[in-house]
């Protein structure tokens, strides 16, 4: 009786093993499909939100300043467009962004500026999501993706074609470099120093008093 029970129990365990493996495989496929669906939703939402066409009032200035520098092949030193302080010494700390905006408009027009800001927005989001989900397993990464969707909805209406979009991209890059430094990468330290010194060209413009 005991021998029969032992054999029967062993047989049952052999029958249950494939069933357990099948359940795990099904659960794994379900998690993969859910993750893919959530990723697709976040990216499609981001594409839709960043395609919003509200224009920043200062866009014309950034485009004109950038195109003027491209034509003169020099960084402007005086304000030649102002009515009240015409000719005053002028330091444009955003000349890097202005060159990109002016050059993009020169080559591709208004549609090019829209494509530029969508591309920068998607790249910024991609870096942020990679940073947020890299060390998280499913379903923990689902929380980060959901927060990413909320963040995209919140910031997209202020994400117009202007120098600040490069600031957002720069912050994402800086955080990734800091993560590399935290992990002990010497290359991350060097890149962070170079990037910090280079990033000043995307900040604010000031008039000399």
Protein backbone atom coordinates (compact mmCIF):
# COMPACT_ATOMS: atom_id res chain seq x y z
CA UNK A 1 0.00 0.00 0.00
CA UNK A 2 2.76 2.39 0.90
CA UNK A 3 4.74 1.44 -2.21
CA UNK A 4 1.67 2.00 -4.39
CA UNK A 5 1.04 5.37 -2.79
CA UNK A 6 4.67 6.35 -3.31
CA UNK A 7 4.53 5.39 -6.98
CA UNK A 8 1.21 7.18 -7.39
CA UNK A 9 2.56 10.33 -5.73
CA UNK A 10 5.63 10.26 -7.94
CA UNK A 11 3.42 9.89 -10.96
CA UNK A 12 1.29 12.84 -9.91
CA UNK A 13 4.37 14.98 -9.38
CA UNK A 14 5.59 14.07 -12.87
CA UNK A 15 2.23 15.07 -14.30
CA UNK A 16 2.13 18.36 -12.41
CA UNK A 17 5.60 19.53 -13.50
CA UNK A 18 4.67 20.22 -17.14
CA UNK A 19 1.51 21.96 -15.96
CA UNK A 20 3.55 24.27 -13.68
CA UNK A 21 6.00 25.01 -16.50
CA UNK A 22 3.11 25.77 -18.81
CA UNK A 23 1.61 28.19 -16.29
CA UNK A 24 4.94 29.97 -15.87
CA UNK A 25 5.40 30.18 -19.63
CA UNK A 26 1.92 31.60 -20.08
CA UNK A 27 2.49 34.13 -17.31
CA UNK A 28 5.80 35.14 -18.91
CA UNK A 29 4.16 35.68 -22.29
CA UNK A 30 1.36 37.65 -20.68
CA UNK A 31 3.86 39.90 -18.87
CA UNK A 32 5.82 40.43 -22.09
CA UNK A 33 2.69 41.37 -24.04
CA UNK A 34 1.51 43.68 -21.25
CA UNK A 35 4.88 45.40 -21.11
CA UNK A 36 4.97 45.79 -24.91
CA UNK A 37 1.43 47.21 -24.91
CA UNK A 38 2.28 49.68 -22.13
CA UNK A 39 5.46 50.77 -23.91
CA UNK A 40 3.57 51.27 -27.16
CA UNK A 41 0.93 53.32 -25.34
CA UNK A 42 3.53 55.55 -23.67
CA UNK A 43 5.41 56.17 -26.94
CA UNK A 44 2.28 56.85 -28.96
CA UNK A 45 1.01 59.19 -26.25
CA UNK A 46 4.37 60.97 -26.23
CA UNK A 47 4.34 61.34 -30.02
CA UNK A 48 0.84 62.79 -29.88
CA UNK A 49 1.57 65.14 -26.97
CA UNK A 50 4.90 66.44 -28.28
CA UNK A 51 3.26 67.14 -31.65
CA UNK A 52 1.26 69.92 -29.98
CA UNK A 53 1.87 73.12 -31.97
CA UNK A 54 1.70 75.95 -29.42
CA UNK A 55 4.47 78.44 -30.30
CA UNK A 56 6.65 80.21 -27.75
CA UNK A 57 6.47 84.03 -28.15
CA UNK A 58 10.26 84.25 -28.23
CA UNK A 59 10.69 81.75 -31.06
CA UNK A 60 11.10 84.42 -33.72
CA UNK A 61 14.01 85.92 -31.80
CA UNK A 62 15.83 82.63 -31.42
CA UNK A 63 15.36 81.85 -35.12
CA UNK A 64 16.51 85.33 -36.23
CA UNK A 65 19.50 85.36 -33.87
CA UNK A 66 20.55 81.91 -35.08
CA UNK A 67 20.20 82.78 -38.76
CA UNK A 68 22.07 86.05 -38.25
CA UNK A 69 24.98 84.16 -36.68
CA UNK A 70 24.95 81.66 -39.53
CA UNK A 71 25.06 84.44 -42.12
CA UNK A 72 27.74 86.48 -40.35
CA UNK A 73 29.62 83.39 -39.11
CA UNK A 74 30.13 85.13 -35.79
CA UNK A 75 28.49 85.27 -32.38
CA UNK A 76 26.55 88.51 -31.95
CA UNK A 77 28.06 91.07 -29.62
CA UNK A 78 25.48 93.85 -29.82
CA UNK A 79 21.69 93.94 -29.87
CA UNK A 80 20.63 95.19 -33.31
CA UNK A 81 16.95 94.26 -33.07
CA UNK A 82 15.81 96.10 -29.94
CA UNK A 83 13.96 99.43 -30.16
CA UNK A 84 14.96 100.73 -26.73
CA UNK A 85 18.51 99.37 -26.29
CA UNK A 86 19.65 99.14 -29.90
CA UNK A 87 23.39 98.70 -30.18
CA UNK A 88 23.90 97.85 -26.51
CA UNK A 89 26.44 95.11 -25.70
CA UNK A 90 24.66 91.78 -25.72
CA UNK A 91 25.69 88.34 -24.46
CA UNK A 92 23.63 85.51 -25.88
CA UNK A 93 24.11 82.50 -23.61
CA UNK A 94 21.70 80.51 -25.78
CA UNK A 95 23.64 80.82 -29.01
CA UNK A 96 24.01 77.04 -29.34
CA UNK A 97 20.26 76.54 -29.23
CA UNK A 98 19.68 79.58 -31.46
CA UNK A 99 22.03 78.17 -34.10
CA UNK A 100 20.11 74.88 -34.09
CA UNK A 101 16.70 76.59 -34.23
CA UNK A 102 17.77 79.10 -36.87
CA UNK A 103 19.49 76.47 -39.00
CA UNK A 104 16.54 74.11 -38.77
CA UNK A 105 14.12 76.84 -39.89
CA UNK A 106 16.46 77.84 -42.69
CA UNK A 107 16.59 74.29 -44.04
CA UNK A 108 13.15 72.88 -43.24
CA UNK A 109 10.90 75.80 -42.35
CA UNK A 110 8.25 75.75 -39.61
CA UNK A 111 7.62 72.03 -40.08
CA UNK A 112 11.28 71.39 -39.36
CA UNK A 113 11.00 73.19 -36.02
CA UNK A 114 8.07 70.98 -35.10
CA UNK A 115 9.99 67.85 -36.07
CA UNK A 116 12.98 69.08 -34.07
CA UNK A 117 11.05 69.60 -30.88
CA UNK A 118 9.24 66.25 -31.27
CA UNK A 119 12.58 64.49 -31.79
CA UNK A 120 14.16 66.20 -28.78
CA UNK A 121 11.10 65.40 -26.66
CA UNK A 122 11.10 61.72 -27.62
CA UNK A 123 14.85 61.43 -27.07
CA UNK A 124 14.54 63.06 -23.65
CA UNK A 125 11.70 60.73 -22.71
CA UNK A 126 13.62 57.69 -23.95
CA UNK A 127 16.66 58.54 -21.84
CA UNK A 128 14.50 59.23 -18.79
CA UNK A 129 12.57 55.96 -19.16
CA UNK A 130 15.78 53.99 -19.62
CA UNK A 131 17.20 55.59 -16.50
CA UNK A 132 14.02 54.88 -14.53
CA UNK A 133 13.40 51.29 -15.64
CA UNK A 134 16.92 49.90 -16.09
CA UNK A 135 17.19 48.56 -12.53
CA UNK A 136 13.51 47.68 -12.12
CA UNK A 137 12.00 44.29 -12.86
CA UNK A 138 8.44 43.81 -14.06
CA UNK A 139 5.94 44.79 -12.70
CA UNK A 140 7.96 47.48 -10.89
CA UNK A 141 8.96 49.03 -14.21
CA UNK A 142 5.26 49.40 -15.05
CA UNK A 143 5.01 52.07 -12.35
CA UNK A 144 7.88 54.02 -13.95
CA UNK A 145 6.24 53.75 -17.38
CA UNK A 146 2.91 54.92 -15.98
CA UNK A 147 4.59 57.92 -14.33
CA UNK A 148 6.30 58.61 -17.64
CA UNK A 149 2.92 58.78 -19.36
CA UNK A 150 1.65 61.21 -16.72
CA UNK A 151 4.81 63.33 -17.03
CA UNK A 152 4.52 63.52 -20.82
CA UNK A 153 0.93 64.72 -20.55
CA UNK A 154 1.94 67.34 -17.99
CA UNK A 155 5.02 68.86 -19.64
CA UNK A 156 4.17 68.59 -23.33
CA UNK A 157 2.12 71.81 -23.48
CA UNK A 158 5.14 73.80 -22.31
CA UNK A 159 7.52 71.87 -24.53
CA UNK A 160 7.58 74.39 -27.36
CA UNK A 161 10.43 74.90 -29.83
CA UNK A 162 12.75 76.99 -27.66
CA UNK A 163 16.15 76.61 -25.96
CA UNK A 164 14.60 75.05 -22.84
CA UNK A 165 13.92 71.80 -24.72
CA UNK A 166 17.68 71.32 -24.93
CA UNK A 167 17.89 71.99 -21.20
CA UNK A 168 15.47 69.11 -20.61
CA UNK A 169 17.54 66.86 -22.85
CA UNK A 170 20.68 68.01 -21.07
CA UNK A 171 19.25 67.15 -17.66
CA UNK A 172 18.42 63.63 -18.86
CA UNK A 173 21.94 63.19 -20.24
CA UNK A 174 23.46 64.60 -17.04
CA UNK A 175 21.50 62.15 -14.91
CA UNK A 176 22.65 59.23 -17.06
CA UNK A 177 26.26 60.38 -16.72
CA UNK A 178 25.85 60.68 -12.95
CA UNK A 179 24.49 57.12 -12.89
CA UNK A 180 27.61 55.96 -14.72
CA UNK A 181 29.78 57.83 -12.23
CA UNK A 182 27.88 56.23 -9.37
CA UNK A 183 28.63 52.85 -10.93
CA UNK A 184 32.34 53.70 -10.96
CA UNK A 185 32.85 54.62 -14.63
CA UNK A 186 35.86 56.90 -15.18
CA UNK A 187 34.55 57.72 -18.65
CA UNK A 188 31.32 58.94 -17.08
CA UNK A 189 33.29 61.42 -14.96
CA UNK A 190 35.17 62.81 -17.93
CA UNK A 191 32.01 63.04 -20.04
CA UNK A 192 30.17 64.78 -17.21
CA UNK A 193 32.88 67.45 -16.92
CA UNK A 194 32.89 68.07 -20.67
CA UNK A 195 29.11 68.14 -20.86
CA UNK A 196 28.79 70.57 -17.92
CA UNK A 197 31.17 73.06 -19.54
CA UNK A 198 29.46 72.70 -22.93
CA UNK A 199 25.93 73.07 -21.53
CA UNK A 200 26.32 76.77 -20.74
CA UNK A 201 25.57 77.70 -24.36
CA UNK A 202 21.95 76.59 -23.89
CA UNK A 203 21.13 78.83 -20.91
CA UNK A 204 19.62 82.30 -20.72
CA UNK A 205 20.61 85.43 -22.60
CA UNK A 206 21.53 88.63 -20.75
CA UNK A 207 22.10 92.27 -21.62
CA UNK A 208 25.13 93.98 -20.14
CA UNK A 209 24.24 96.84 -17.84
